[in-house]
Amino acid sequence: QVQLVESGGGLVQPGGSLRLSCAASGIVFSRYVMAWYRQAPEKQREWVATITRRFETHYSDSVRGRFTISRDNTNNMLYLQMDNLKPEDTAVYYCHDGGDWGQGTQVTVSS
């Protein structure tokens, strides 16, 4: 049974940082391309970043230069380091393995 469990969300001021984590189980994690998505209120879920099996990274234009995706294949963990956060980054952030979704973690950027 596949499980993706996100954590690390919270309330942060504009310009602040957060680090999201996703713990994966039930899959051979190292074989998967992993991604982060987000969904703001009343908006469609959107892609944020991807990391391949060879650790190649890709980012949406809205987060490039501010967010960093990484993975730890030994511990089946996916991360998203978010710096210089903006109010428009407010959303529920989801971990995705191409088929499964976690429950999401709320990120709120507000003063």
Protein backbone atom coordinates (compact mmCIF):
# COMPACT_ATOMS: atom_id res chain seq x y z
CA GLN A 1 0.00 0.00 0.00
CA VAL A 2 1.47 3.29 -1.15
CA GLN A 3 1.63 6.11 1.35
CA LEU A 4 2.90 9.64 0.80
CA VAL A 5 2.84 11.76 3.95
CA GLU A 6 3.68 15.44 3.75
CA SER A 7 4.74 17.60 6.67
CA GLY A 8 6.44 20.90 7.41
CA GLY A 9 3.76 23.38 6.41
CA GLY A 10 2.73 26.33 8.52
CA LEU A 11 2.30 30.08 8.74
CA VAL A 12 5.24 32.22 7.67
CA GLN A 13 5.76 35.89 6.92
CA PRO A 14 6.59 37.11 3.42
CA GLY A 15 10.29 36.63 2.77
CA GLY A 16 10.47 33.70 5.14
CA SER A 17 11.36 30.07 4.56
CA LEU A 18 9.85 26.65 5.10
CA ARG A 19 11.04 23.14 4.37
CA LEU A 20 8.43 20.58 3.37
CA SER A 21 9.01 16.86 3.70
CA CYS A 22 7.28 13.87 2.15
CA ALA A 23 7.77 10.39 3.57
CA ALA A 24 7.12 7.66 1.03
CA SER A 25 6.35 4.02 1.72
CA GLY A 26 5.02 1.12 -0.30
CA ILE A 27 7.05 2.02 -3.39
CA VAL A 28 10.63 1.51 -4.54
CA PHE A 29 11.23 5.20 -4.05
CA SER A 30 14.49 5.44 -5.97
CA ARG A 31 12.74 4.28 -9.16
CA TYR A 32 10.20 7.10 -9.19
CA VAL A 33 10.23 10.56 -10.60
CA MET A 34 8.86 12.62 -7.71
CA ALA A 35 7.11 15.97 -7.77
CA TRP A 36 5.52 18.67 -5.67
CA TYR A 37 2.22 20.25 -6.63
CA ARG A 38 0.14 22.89 -4.90
CA GLN A 39 -3.45 24.01 -4.85
CA ALA A 40 -4.55 27.46 -3.75
CA PRO A 41 -8.15 28.16 -2.68
CA GLU A 42 -10.53 28.10 -5.63
CA LYS A 43 -7.71 27.35 -8.06
CA GLN A 44 -6.62 24.27 -9.96
CA ARG A 45 -3.81 22.13 -8.64
CA GLU A 46 -0.55 23.23 -10.27
CA TRP A 47 2.84 21.66 -10.73
CA VAL A 48 5.67 23.17 -8.68
CA ALA A 49 8.80 21.07 -9.12
CA THR A 50 10.08 17.66 -10.22
CA ILE A 51 13.15 15.61 -9.42
CA THR A 52 14.11 12.66 -11.59
CA ARG A 53 15.69 9.36 -10.61
CA ARG A 54 19.01 10.87 -11.64
CA PHE A 55 18.42 13.91 -9.42
CA GLU A 56 17.73 16.27 -12.31
CA THR A 57 15.44 19.07 -11.16
CA HIS A 58 12.81 21.15 -12.92
CA TYR A 59 10.78 24.07 -11.62
CA SER A 60 7.77 26.10 -12.58
CA ASP A 61 8.53 29.67 -13.56
CA SER A 62 6.74 30.96 -10.47
CA VAL A 63 9.13 29.26 -8.02
CA ARG A 64 12.40 28.91 -9.93
CA GLY A 65 15.24 30.50 -8.00
CA ARG A 66 13.32 30.42 -4.70
CA PHE A 67 12.41 26.74 -4.19
CA THR A 68 14.71 23.72 -4.17
CA ILE A 69 13.50 20.14 -4.56
CA SER A 70 15.64 17.29 -3.28
CA ARG A 71 15.38 13.63 -2.40
CA ASP A 72 16.96 11.12 -0.05
CA ASN A 73 16.64 7.67 -1.59
CA THR A 74 18.15 5.96 1.44
CA ASN A 75 15.32 7.15 3.67
CA ASN A 76 12.57 7.42 1.03
CA MET A 77 12.16 11.14 1.58
CA LEU A 78 11.29 14.01 -0.72
CA TYR A 79 11.89 17.64 0.28
CA LEU A 80 10.98 21.12 -0.86
CA GLN A 81 13.02 23.99 0.51
CA MET A 82 11.04 27.18 0.02
CA ASP A 83 12.82 30.52 0.44
CA ASN A 84 11.72 34.11 -0.09
CA LEU A 85 8.11 33.05 0.24
CA LYS A 86 5.38 35.28 -1.16
CA PRO A 87 1.68 35.52 -0.32
CA GLU A 88 0.90 33.94 -3.68
CA ASP A 89 2.71 30.79 -2.52
CA THR A 90 -0.14 30.17 -0.08
CA ALA A 91 -1.61 26.77 -0.93
CA VAL A 92 -1.88 23.16 0.10
CA TYR A 93 1.28 21.41 -1.08
CA TYR A 94 1.16 17.79 -2.27
CA CYS A 95 3.74 15.13 -2.90
CA HIS A 96 3.21 13.04 -6.07
CA ASP A 97 4.85 9.91 -7.47
CA GLY A 98 3.06 9.96 -10.81
CA GLY A 99 0.14 7.94 -9.52
CA ASP A 100 -0.47 8.61 -5.85
CA TRP A 101 -1.03 11.74 -3.81
CA GLY A 102 -0.43 12.57 -0.19
CA GLN A 103 -2.96 14.35 1.99
CA GLY A 104 -1.17 17.66 1.60
CA THR A 105 0.32 20.20 3.98
CA GLN A 106 -0.93 23.78 4.29
CA VAL A 107 1.46 26.65 3.64
CA THR A 108 0.23 30.14 4.48
CA VAL A 109 2.33 33.20 3.72
CA SER A 110 0.96 36.26 5.44
CA SER A 111 2.05 39.16 7.58
